[in-house]
């Protein structure tokens, strides 16, 4: 099965994960957000697990919205959330 990837203004939606909707948004050359939610969840629903990857000097740091690995964040708010 091949990947099904769509690009919407810098946001990549991958539909090859069978149980989660996955969105990858490249915010800049050093910051990428990845979000997972149940199929059918809107990006405005508080049903997302959001991960932020930051790269500096060849080191990538991974953190999660509000320090939690739970499906309780809003994807649309990803840039303004606290990560740790």
PDB file of N, CA and C in Angstrom:
ATOM      1  N   UNK A   1       0.845  -1.176   0.000  1.00  0.00           N
ATOM      2  CA  UNK A   1       0.000   0.000   0.000  1.00  0.00           C
ATOM      3  C   UNK A   1       0.889   1.238   0.000  1.00  0.00           C
ATOM      4  N   UNK A   2       0.664   2.155  -0.911  1.00  0.00           N
ATOM      5  CA  UNK A   2       1.458   3.371  -0.993  1.00  0.00           C
ATOM      6  C   UNK A   2       0.892   4.479  -0.117  1.00  0.00           C
ATOM      7  N   UNK A   3       1.728   5.475   0.107  1.00  0.00           N
ATOM      8  CA  UNK A   3       1.298   6.628   0.888  1.00  0.00           C
ATOM      9  C   UNK A   3       0.366   7.489   0.055  1.00  0.00           C
ATOM     10  N   UNK A   4      -0.604   8.066   0.707  1.00  0.00           N
ATOM     11  CA  UNK A   4      -1.499   9.029   0.075  1.00  0.00           C
ATOM     12  C   UNK A   4      -1.254  10.350   0.783  1.00  0.00           C
ATOM     13  N   UNK A   5      -0.492  11.238   0.147  1.00  0.00           N
ATOM     14  CA  UNK A   5      -0.106  12.492   0.790  1.00  0.00           C
ATOM     15  C   UNK A   5      -0.646  13.650  -0.030  1.00  0.00           C
ATOM     16  N   UNK A   6      -1.321  14.580   0.646  1.00  0.00           N
ATOM     17  CA  UNK A   6      -1.846  15.774  -0.006  1.00  0.00           C
ATOM     18  C   UNK A   6      -1.204  16.996   0.636  1.00  0.00           C
ATOM     19  N   UNK A   7      -0.953  18.022  -0.137  1.00  0.00           N
ATOM     20  CA  UNK A   7      -0.339  19.243   0.357  1.00  0.00           C
ATOM     21  C   UNK A   7      -1.356  20.367   0.297  1.00  0.00           C
ATOM     22  N   UNK A   8      -1.664  20.963   1.441  1.00  0.00           N
ATOM     23  CA  UNK A   8      -2.562  22.107   1.528  1.00  0.00           C
ATOM     24  C   UNK A   8      -1.801  23.244   2.201  1.00  0.00           C
ATOM     25  N   UNK A   9      -1.210  24.131   1.412  1.00  0.00           N
ATOM     26  CA  UNK A   9      -0.513  25.309   1.929  1.00  0.00           C
ATOM     27  C   UNK A   9       0.548  24.939   2.969  1.00  0.00           C
ATOM     28  N   UNK A  10       1.404  23.983   2.668  1.00  0.00           N
ATOM     29  CA  UNK A  10       2.480  23.605   3.577  1.00  0.00           C
ATOM     30  C   UNK A  10       2.086  22.567   4.605  1.00  0.00           C
ATOM     31  N   UNK A  11       0.839  22.130   4.622  1.00  0.00           N
ATOM     32  CA  UNK A  11       0.388  21.098   5.543  1.00  0.00           C
ATOM     33  C   UNK A  11       0.220  19.802   4.765  1.00  0.00           C
ATOM     34  N   UNK A  12       0.852  18.759   5.214  1.00  0.00           N
ATOM     35  CA  UNK A  12       0.794  17.476   4.535  1.00  0.00           C
ATOM     36  C   UNK A  12      -0.115  16.533   5.315  1.00  0.00           C
ATOM     37  N   UNK A  13      -1.094  15.984   4.654  1.00  0.00           N
ATOM     38  CA  UNK A  13      -2.028  15.058   5.300  1.00  0.00           C
ATOM     39  C   UNK A  13      -1.713  13.661   4.784  1.00  0.00           C
ATOM     40  N   UNK A  14      -1.382  12.762   5.706  1.00  0.00           N
ATOM     41  CA  UNK A  14      -1.043  11.396   5.344  1.00  0.00           C
ATOM     42  C   UNK A  14      -2.192  10.487   5.762  1.00  0.00           C
ATOM     43  N   UNK A  15      -2.701   9.724   4.835  1.00  0.00           N
ATOM     44  CA  UNK A  15      -3.839   8.866   5.153  1.00  0.00           C
ATOM     45  C   UNK A  15      -3.475   7.385   5.123  1.00  0.00           C
ATOM     46  N   UNK A  16      -2.186   7.061   5.256  1.00  0.00           N
ATOM     47  CA  UNK A  16      -1.790   5.662   5.221  1.00  0.00           C
ATOM     48  C   UNK A  16      -1.753   5.013   6.602  1.00  0.00           C
ATOM     49  N   UNK A  17      -2.052   5.755   7.661  1.00  0.00           N
ATOM     50  CA  UNK A  17      -2.108   5.197   9.008  1.00  0.00           C
ATOM     51  C   UNK A  17      -3.536   4.717   9.236  1.00  0.00           C
ATOM     52  N   UNK A  18      -3.732   3.423   9.504  1.00  0.00           N
ATOM     53  CA  UNK A  18      -5.088   2.874   9.488  1.00  0.00           C
ATOM     54  C   UNK A  18      -6.022   3.342  10.598  1.00  0.00           C
ATOM     55  N   UNK A  19      -5.517   3.715  11.763  1.00  0.00           N
ATOM     56  CA  UNK A  19      -6.402   4.033  12.878  1.00  0.00           C
ATOM     57  C   UNK A  19      -6.377   5.499  13.285  1.00  0.00           C
ATOM     58  N   UNK A  20      -5.485   6.278  12.732  1.00  0.00           N
ATOM     59  CA  UNK A  20      -5.399   7.691  13.070  1.00  0.00           C
ATOM     60  C   UNK A  20      -5.309   8.536  11.817  1.00  0.00           C
ATOM     61  N   UNK A  21      -5.951   9.688  11.886  1.00  0.00           N
ATOM     62  CA  UNK A  21      -5.726  10.734  10.890  1.00  0.00           C
ATOM     63  C   UNK A  21      -4.407  11.376  11.300  1.00  0.00           C
ATOM     64  N   UNK A  22      -3.516  11.583  10.366  1.00  0.00           N
ATOM     65  CA  UNK A  22      -2.210  12.173  10.654  1.00  0.00           C
ATOM     66  C   UNK A  22      -2.005  13.399   9.781  1.00  0.00           C
ATOM     67  N   UNK A  23      -1.580  14.492  10.408  1.00  0.00           N
ATOM     68  CA  UNK A  23      -1.255  15.708   9.668  1.00  0.00           C
ATOM     69  C   UNK A  23       0.163  16.118  10.036  1.00  0.00           C
ATOM     70  N   UNK A  24       0.956  16.457   9.041  1.00  0.00           N
ATOM     71  CA  UNK A  24       2.309  16.964   9.250  1.00  0.00           C
ATOM     72  C   UNK A  24       2.370  18.357   8.654  1.00  0.00           C
ATOM     73  N   UNK A  25       2.728  19.342   9.487  1.00  0.00           N
ATOM     74  CA  UNK A  25       2.825  20.726   9.025  1.00  0.00           C
ATOM     75  C   UNK A  25       4.255  21.214   9.210  1.00  0.00           C
ATOM     76  N   UNK A  26       4.895  21.564   8.111  1.00  0.00           N
ATOM     77  CA  UNK A  26       6.246  22.118   8.159  1.00  0.00           C
ATOM     78  C   UNK A  26       6.092  23.631   8.345  1.00  0.00           C
ATOM     79  N   UNK A  27       6.359  24.091   9.570  1.00  0.00           N
ATOM     80  CA  UNK A  27       6.161  25.501   9.896  1.00  0.00           C
ATOM     81  C   UNK A  27       7.331  26.367   9.434  1.00  0.00           C
ATOM     82  N   UNK A  28       8.534  25.797   9.455  1.00  0.00           N
ATOM     83  CA  UNK A  28       9.729  26.524   9.024  1.00  0.00           C
ATOM     84  C   UNK A  28      10.821  25.497   8.734  1.00  0.00           C
ATOM     85  N   UNK A  29      12.010  25.978   8.431  1.00  0.00           N
ATOM     86  CA  UNK A  29      13.128  25.072   8.163  1.00  0.00           C
ATOM     87  C   UNK A  29      13.548  24.309   9.419  1.00  0.00           C
ATOM     88  N   UNK A  30      13.142  24.799  10.588  1.00  0.00           N
ATOM     89  CA  UNK A  30      13.570  24.170  11.839  1.00  0.00           C
ATOM     90  C   UNK A  30      12.436  23.616  12.698  1.00  0.00           C
ATOM     91  N   UNK A  31      11.182  23.865  12.321  1.00  0.00           N
ATOM     92  CA  UNK A  31      10.040  23.437  13.132  1.00  0.00           C
ATOM     93  C   UNK A  31       9.021  22.670  12.289  1.00  0.00           C
ATOM     94  N   UNK A  32       8.662  21.479  12.779  1.00  0.00           N
ATOM     95  CA  UNK A  32       7.629  20.659  12.146  1.00  0.00           C
ATOM     96  C   UNK A  32       6.665  20.186  13.218  1.00  0.00           C
ATOM     97  N   UNK A  33       5.375  20.271  12.922  1.00  0.00           N
ATOM     98  CA  UNK A  33       4.335  19.765  13.823  1.00  0.00           C
ATOM     99  C   UNK A  33       3.722  18.514  13.206  1.00  0.00           C
ATOM    100  N   UNK A  34       3.464  17.516  14.040  1.00  0.00           N
ATOM    101  CA  UNK A  34       2.752  16.315  13.612  1.00  0.00           C
ATOM    102  C   UNK A  34       1.587  16.113  14.562  1.00  0.00           C
ATOM    103  N   UNK A  35       0.420  15.850  13.999  1.00  0.00           N
ATOM    104  CA  UNK A  35      -0.760  15.630  14.829  1.00  0.00           C
ATOM    105  C   UNK A  35      -1.460  14.343  14.449  1.00  0.00           C
ATOM    106  N   UNK A  36      -2.026  13.682  15.453  1.00  0.00           N
ATOM    107  CA  UNK A  36      -2.786  12.451  15.264  1.00  0.00           C
ATOM    108  C   UNK A  36      -4.143  12.602  15.936  1.00  0.00           C
ATOM    109  N   UNK A  37      -5.176  12.109  15.275  1.00  0.00           N
ATOM    110  CA  UNK A  37      -6.534  12.127  15.832  1.00  0.00           C
ATOM    111  C   UNK A  37      -7.315  10.971  15.236  1.00  0.00           C
ATOM    112  N   UNK A  38      -8.436  10.679  15.837  1.00  0.00           N
ATOM    113  CA  UNK A  38      -9.313   9.646  15.300  1.00  0.00           C
ATOM    114  C   UNK A  38      -9.882  10.107  13.972  1.00  0.00           C
ATOM    115  N   UNK A  39     -10.097   9.178  13.046  1.00  0.00           N
ATOM    116  CA  UNK A  39     -10.703   9.553  11.765  1.00  0.00           C
ATOM    117  C   UNK A  39     -12.011  10.309  11.996  1.00  0.00           C
ATOM    118  N   UNK A  40     -12.242  11.340  11.202  1.00  0.00           N
ATOM    119  CA  UNK A  40     -13.461  12.132  11.333  1.00  0.00           C
ATOM    120  C   UNK A  40     -13.312  13.335  12.239  1.00  0.00           C
ATOM    121  N   UNK A  41     -12.197  13.429  12.976  1.00  0.00           N
ATOM    122  CA  UNK A  41     -11.982  14.579  13.858  1.00  0.00           C
ATOM    123  C   UNK A  41     -11.664  15.810  13.032  1.00  0.00           C
ATOM    124  N   UNK A  42     -12.286  16.922  13.389  1.00  0.00           N
ATOM    125  CA  UNK A  42     -11.981  18.195  12.729  1.00  0.00           C
ATOM    126  C   UNK A  42     -10.724  18.782  13.357  1.00  0.00           C
ATOM    127  N   UNK A  43     -10.020  19.618  12.617  1.00  0.00           N
ATOM    128  CA  UNK A  43      -8.821  20.240  13.169  1.00  0.00           C
ATOM    129  C   UNK A  43      -9.153  21.210  14.306  1.00  0.00           C
ATOM    130  N   UNK A  44     -10.406  21.593  14.425  1.00  0.00           N
ATOM    131  CA  UNK A  44     -10.846  22.481  15.507  1.00  0.00           C
ATOM    132  C   UNK A  44     -11.316  21.715  16.744  1.00  0.00           C
ATOM    133  N   UNK A  45     -11.367  20.397  16.668  1.00  0.00           N
ATOM    134  CA  UNK A  45     -11.777  19.564  17.807  1.00  0.00           C
ATOM    135  C   UNK A  45     -10.608  19.370  18.777  1.00  0.00           C
ATOM    136  N   UNK A  46     -10.897  19.321  20.066  1.00  0.00           N
ATOM    137  CA  UNK A  46      -9.881  19.037  21.088  1.00  0.00           C
ATOM    138  C   UNK A  46      -9.703  17.523  21.189  1.00  0.00           C
ATOM    139  N   UNK A  47      -9.229  16.921  20.086  1.00  0.00           N
ATOM    140  CA  UNK A  47      -9.091  15.467  19.995  1.00  0.00           C
ATOM    141  C   UNK A  47      -7.755  15.070  19.373  1.00  0.00           C
ATOM    142  N   UNK A  48      -6.756  15.947  19.471  1.00  0.00           N
ATOM    143  CA  UNK A  48      -5.486  15.733  18.790  1.00  0.00           C
ATOM    144  C   UNK A  48      -4.338  15.523  19.760  1.00  0.00           C
ATOM    145  N   UNK A  49      -3.428  14.640  19.388  1.00  0.00           N
ATOM    146  CA  UNK A  49      -2.113  14.516  20.022  1.00  0.00           C
ATOM    147  C   UNK A  49      -1.176  15.269  19.090  1.00  0.00           C
ATOM    148  N   UNK A  50      -0.467  16.276  19.620  1.00  0.00           N
ATOM    149  CA  UNK A  50       0.375  17.121  18.774  1.00  0.00           C
ATOM    150  C   UNK A  50       1.824  17.061  19.249  1.00  0.00           C
ATOM    151  N   UNK A  51       2.712  16.796  18.305  1.00  0.00           N
ATOM    152  CA  UNK A  51       4.140  16.721  18.566  1.00  0.00           C
ATOM    153  C   UNK A  51       4.845  17.833  17.783  1.00  0.00           C
ATOM    154  N   UNK A  52       5.830  18.443  18.413  1.00  0.00           N
ATOM    155  CA  UNK A  52       6.627  19.485  17.762  1.00  0.00           C
ATOM    156  C   UNK A  52       8.070  19.000  17.670  1.00  0.00           C
ATOM    157  N   UNK A  53       8.648  19.101  16.491  1.00  0.00           N
ATOM    158  CA  UNK A  53      10.056  18.770  16.291  1.00  0.00           C
ATOM    159  C   UNK A  53      10.801  20.056  15.959  1.00  0.00           C
ATOM    160  N   UNK A  54      11.851  20.339  16.728  1.00  0.00           N
ATOM    161  CA  UNK A  54      12.680  21.513  16.478  1.00  0.00           C
ATOM    162  C   UNK A  54      14.114  21.051  16.241  1.00  0.00           C
ATOM    163  N   UNK A  55      14.727  21.574  15.187  1.00  0.00           N
ATOM    164  CA  UNK A  55      16.093  21.197  14.851  1.00  0.00           C
ATOM    165  C   UNK A  55      17.002  22.412  14.976  1.00  0.00           C
ATOM    166  N   UNK A  56      18.113  22.213  15.692  1.00  0.00           N
ATOM    167  CA  UNK A  56      19.130  23.251  15.839  1.00  0.00           C
ATOM    168  C   UNK A  56      20.488  22.558  15.905  1.00  0.00           C
ATOM    169  N   UNK A  57      21.401  22.997  15.081  1.00  0.00           N
ATOM    170  CA  UNK A  57      22.762  22.439  15.057  1.00  0.00           C
ATOM    171  C   UNK A  57      22.759  20.924  14.928  1.00  0.00           C
ATOM    172  N   UNK A  58      21.982  20.400  14.007  1.00  0.00           N
ATOM    173  CA  UNK A  58      21.909  18.956  13.717  1.00  0.00           C
ATOM    174  C   UNK A  58      21.297  18.124  14.839  1.00  0.00           C
ATOM    175  N   UNK A  59      20.678  18.762  15.832  1.00  0.00           N
ATOM    176  CA  UNK A  59      20.005  18.044  16.923  1.00  0.00           C
ATOM    177  C   UNK A  59      18.514  18.330  16.825  1.00  0.00           C
ATOM    178  N   UNK A  60      17.707  17.276  16.784  1.00  0.00           N
ATOM    179  CA  UNK A  60      16.260  17.431  16.731  1.00  0.00           C
ATOM    180  C   UNK A  60      15.667  17.107  18.098  1.00  0.00           C
ATOM    181  N   UNK A  61      14.887  18.032  18.622  1.00  0.00           N
ATOM    182  CA  UNK A  61      14.212  17.865  19.902  1.00  0.00           C
ATOM    183  C   UNK A  61      12.735  17.632  19.645  1.00  0.00           C
ATOM    184  N   UNK A  62      12.174  16.623  20.296  1.00  0.00           N
ATOM    185  CA  UNK A  62      10.761  16.289  20.157  1.00  0.00           C
ATOM    186  C   UNK A  62      10.054  16.619  21.463  1.00  0.00           C
ATOM    187  N   UNK A  63       8.947  17.355  21.371  1.00  0.00           N
ATOM    188  CA  UNK A  63       8.147  17.675  22.556  1.00  0.00           C
ATOM    189  C   UNK A  63       6.669  17.577  22.189  1.00  0.00           C
ATOM    190  N   UNK A  64       5.824  17.539  23.219  1.00  0.00           N
ATOM    191  CA  UNK A  64       4.389  17.362  23.003  1.00  0.00           C
ATOM    192  C   UNK A  64       3.616  18.537  23.579  1.00  0.00           C
ATOM    193  N   UNK A  65       2.474  18.848  22.957  1.00  0.00           N
ATOM    194  CA  UNK A  65       1.638  19.968  23.396  1.00  0.00           C
ATOM    195  C   UNK A  65       1.253  19.786  24.857  1.00  0.00           C
ATOM    196  N   UNK A  66       1.544  20.807  25.632  1.00  0.00           N
ATOM    197  CA  UNK A  66       1.276  20.822  27.064  1.00  0.00           C
ATOM    198  C   UNK A  66       1.910  19.646  27.783  1.00  0.00           C
ATOM    199  N   UNK A  67       2.964  19.075  27.184  1.00  0.00           N
ATOM    200  CA  UNK A  67       3.714  17.996  27.818  1.00  0.00           C
ATOM    201  C   UNK A  67       2.954  16.691  27.936  1.00  0.00           C
ATOM    202  N   UNK A  68       1.840  16.573  27.200  1.00  0.00           N
ATOM    203  CA  UNK A  68       0.989  15.387  27.321  1.00  0.00           C
ATOM    204  C   UNK A  68       0.965  14.591  26.036  1.00  0.00           C
ATOM    205  N   UNK A  69       0.859  13.305  26.169  1.00  0.00           N
ATOM    206  CA  UNK A  69       0.696  12.420  25.007  1.00  0.00           C
ATOM    207  C   UNK A  69      -0.730  11.886  25.026  1.00  0.00           C
ATOM    208  N   UNK A  70      -1.664  12.829  24.915  1.00  0.00           N
ATOM    209  CA  UNK A  70      -3.084  12.491  24.963  1.00  0.00           C
ATOM    210  C   UNK A  70      -3.800  13.156  23.789  1.00  0.00           C
ATOM    211  N   UNK A  71      -4.913  12.583  23.403  1.00  0.00           N
ATOM    212  CA  UNK A  71      -5.725  13.107  22.297  1.00  0.00           C
ATOM    213  C   UNK A  71      -6.683  14.177  22.838  1.00  0.00           C
ATOM    214  N   UNK A  72      -6.127  15.322  23.267  1.00  0.00           N
ATOM    215  CA  UNK A  72      -6.964  16.346  23.892  1.00  0.00           C
ATOM    216  C   UNK A  72      -6.596  17.775  23.489  1.00  0.00           C
ATOM    217  N   UNK A  73      -5.877  17.927  22.385  1.00  0.00           N
ATOM    218  CA  UNK A  73      -5.452  19.254  21.936  1.00  0.00           C
ATOM    219  C   UNK A  73      -6.179  19.635  20.648  1.00  0.00           C
ATOM    220  N   UNK A  74      -6.130  20.917  20.299  1.00  0.00           N
ATOM    221  CA  UNK A  74      -6.746  21.433  19.077  1.00  0.00           C
ATOM    222  C   UNK A  74      -5.643  21.670  18.054  1.00  0.00           C
ATOM    223  N   UNK A  75      -5.702  20.957  16.931  1.00  0.00           N
ATOM    224  CA  UNK A  75      -4.678  21.084  15.892  1.00  0.00           C
ATOM    225  C   UNK A  75      -4.531  22.524  15.411  1.00  0.00           C
ATOM    226  N   UNK A  76      -5.631  23.232  15.246  1.00  0.00           N
ATOM    227  CA  UNK A  76      -5.594  24.609  14.756  1.00  0.00           C
ATOM    228  C   UNK A  76      -4.803  25.538  15.676  1.00  0.00           C
ATOM    229  N   UNK A  77      -4.635  25.161  16.947  1.00  0.00           N
ATOM    230  CA  UNK A  77      -3.920  25.987  17.936  1.00  0.00           C
ATOM    231  C   UNK A  77      -2.454  25.596  18.079  1.00  0.00           C
ATOM    232  N   UNK A  78      -1.948  24.687  17.256  1.00  0.00           N
ATOM    233  CA  UNK A  78      -0.630  24.098  17.459  1.00  0.00           C
ATOM    234  C   UNK A  78       0.502  25.111  17.639  1.00  0.00           C
ATOM    235  N   UNK A  79       0.484  26.206  16.905  1.00  0.00           N
ATOM    236  CA  UNK A  79       1.582  27.173  16.982  1.00  0.00           C
ATOM    237  C   UNK A  79       1.585  27.965  18.288  1.00  0.00           C
ATOM    238  N   UNK A  80       0.448  28.076  18.950  1.00  0.00           N
ATOM    239  CA  UNK A  80       0.371  28.874  20.173  1.00  0.00           C
ATOM    240  C   UNK A  80       0.407  28.040  21.459  1.00  0.00           C
ATOM    241  N   UNK A  81       0.473  26.717  21.339  1.00  0.00           N
ATOM    242  CA  UNK A  81       0.495  25.848  22.515  1.00  0.00           C
ATOM    243  C   UNK A  81       1.895  25.812  23.140  1.00  0.00           C
ATOM    244  N   UNK A  82       1.937  25.477  24.432  1.00  0.00           N
ATOM    245  CA  UNK A  82       3.227  25.272  25.119  1.00  0.00           C
ATOM    246  C   UNK A  82       3.656  23.828  24.889  1.00  0.00           C
ATOM    247  N   UNK A  83       4.942  23.621  24.664  1.00  0.00           N
ATOM    248  CA  UNK A  83       5.475  22.289  24.405  1.00  0.00           C
ATOM    249  C   UNK A  83       6.571  21.968  25.399  1.00  0.00           C
ATOM    250  N   UNK A  84       6.551  20.724  25.884  1.00  0.00           N
ATOM    251  CA  UNK A  84       7.642  20.234  26.739  1.00  0.00           C
ATOM    252  C   UNK A  84       7.592  18.733  26.799  1.00  0.00           C
TER     253      UNK A  84
END
